[in-house]
């Protein structure tokens, strides 16, 4: 299998590992991570809450946990951070507003 996966998989890995490695973009992000990151980039001040993120991306990725996990990945990669701002959610509770670093 000739995929651009150099250094990501071993020759003995199964085909599913090659497929997973090939799903990363040139920036080292998966398609879902890139969708989440682009969502933030397109928001006013490049910031949003998890609830705002889910409202948009749940039509494409129906599992809330999938979207939140990819957002968490971006946070741990240092691409998103806590803006210090809080917004009320639908239940009138404060939510962290994350922003692009």
Protein backbone atom coordinates (compact mmCIF):
# COMPACT_ATOMS: atom_id res chain seq x y z
CA UNK A 1 0.00 0.00 0.00
CA UNK A 2 1.61 3.28 -1.12
CA UNK A 3 0.28 6.02 1.15
CA UNK A 4 2.00 9.10 2.55
CA UNK A 5 2.35 7.51 5.96
CA UNK A 6 6.12 7.56 6.43
CA UNK A 7 7.00 7.33 10.11
CA UNK A 8 3.39 6.83 11.17
CA UNK A 9 3.03 3.08 10.77
CA UNK A 10 5.23 0.00 10.69
CA UNK A 11 5.47 -2.38 7.75
CA UNK A 12 3.86 -5.07 9.91
CA UNK A 13 0.82 -2.94 10.85
CA UNK A 14 -2.60 -3.94 9.48
CA UNK A 15 -4.25 -2.07 6.62
CA UNK A 16 -6.52 -0.24 9.08
CA UNK A 17 -3.46 1.45 10.61
CA UNK A 18 -2.41 2.67 7.16
CA UNK A 19 -5.92 4.01 6.52
CA UNK A 20 -5.94 5.82 9.85
CA UNK A 21 -2.50 7.33 9.21
CA UNK A 22 -3.57 8.47 5.75
CA UNK A 23 -6.55 10.31 7.26
CA UNK A 24 -4.25 12.92 8.82
CA UNK A 25 -3.84 16.20 6.95
CA UNK A 26 -0.49 17.78 6.19
CA UNK A 27 -0.94 19.77 9.41
CA UNK A 28 -1.12 16.56 11.43
CA UNK A 29 -4.85 16.88 12.07
CA UNK A 30 -7.60 14.41 11.27
CA UNK A 31 -10.49 15.50 9.08
CA UNK A 32 -12.74 15.94 12.13
CA UNK A 33 -10.08 17.93 14.02
CA UNK A 34 -9.67 20.14 10.97
CA UNK A 35 -13.45 20.70 10.77
CA UNK A 36 -13.50 21.68 14.46
CA UNK A 37 -10.49 23.99 14.03
CA UNK A 38 -12.00 25.63 10.95
CA UNK A 39 -15.23 26.17 12.88
CA UNK A 40 -13.29 28.21 15.46
CA UNK A 41 -11.39 30.10 12.76
CA UNK A 42 -14.69 31.19 11.20
CA UNK A 43 -16.28 32.46 14.44
CA UNK A 44 -16.28 36.12 15.54
CA UNK A 45 -13.04 36.67 17.48
CA UNK A 46 -12.18 33.04 16.62
CA UNK A 47 -13.88 31.81 19.80
CA UNK A 48 -16.86 29.65 20.80
CA UNK A 49 -18.28 27.35 23.48
CA UNK A 50 -18.68 23.59 23.18
CA UNK A 51 -22.42 24.10 22.84
CA UNK A 52 -21.96 26.48 19.89
CA UNK A 53 -19.54 24.02 18.30
CA UNK A 54 -21.96 21.14 18.71
CA UNK A 55 -24.89 23.14 17.32
CA UNK A 56 -23.03 23.44 14.02
CA UNK A 57 -21.08 20.19 13.74
CA UNK A 58 -23.62 17.70 15.09
CA UNK A 59 -25.33 17.66 11.70
CA UNK A 60 -22.12 16.22 10.22
CA UNK A 61 -20.87 14.24 13.25
CA UNK A 62 -23.91 13.01 15.21
CA UNK A 63 -22.05 11.94 18.36
CA UNK A 64 -21.41 14.78 20.82
CA UNK A 65 -18.50 12.84 22.26
CA UNK A 66 -16.77 12.78 18.84
CA UNK A 67 -16.91 16.54 18.47
CA UNK A 68 -15.88 17.23 22.09
CA UNK A 69 -13.00 14.77 21.88
CA UNK A 70 -11.60 16.43 18.73
CA UNK A 71 -11.92 19.84 20.40
CA UNK A 72 -10.06 18.46 23.41
CA UNK A 73 -7.35 17.14 21.05
CA UNK A 74 -6.90 20.65 19.64
CA UNK A 75 -6.75 22.11 23.15
CA UNK A 76 -4.00 19.64 24.14
CA UNK A 77 -2.11 20.36 20.91
CA UNK A 78 -2.06 24.03 21.94
CA UNK A 79 -4.24 25.20 19.05
CA UNK A 80 -7.13 26.28 21.32
CA UNK A 81 -7.11 27.83 24.78
CA UNK A 82 -9.49 29.17 27.43
CA UNK A 83 -10.28 32.78 26.50
CA UNK A 84 -11.11 33.65 30.10
CA UNK A 85 -14.65 34.54 29.02
CA UNK A 86 -17.77 32.63 30.06
CA UNK A 87 -21.15 32.46 28.31
CA UNK A 88 -24.45 31.10 29.53
CA UNK A 89 -25.64 27.89 27.91
CA UNK A 90 -29.23 26.80 27.26
CA UNK A 91 -29.53 25.79 30.92
CA UNK A 92 -28.27 29.18 32.07
CA UNK A 93 -24.96 27.74 33.29
CA UNK A 94 -21.58 29.24 32.53
CA UNK A 95 -19.55 27.66 29.77
CA UNK A 96 -15.89 28.19 28.96
CA UNK A 97 -15.33 30.15 25.75
CA UNK A 98 -12.39 28.65 23.87
CA UNK A 99 -10.38 30.56 21.31
CA UNK A 100 -7.76 29.96 18.65
CA UNK A 101 -4.23 30.54 19.94
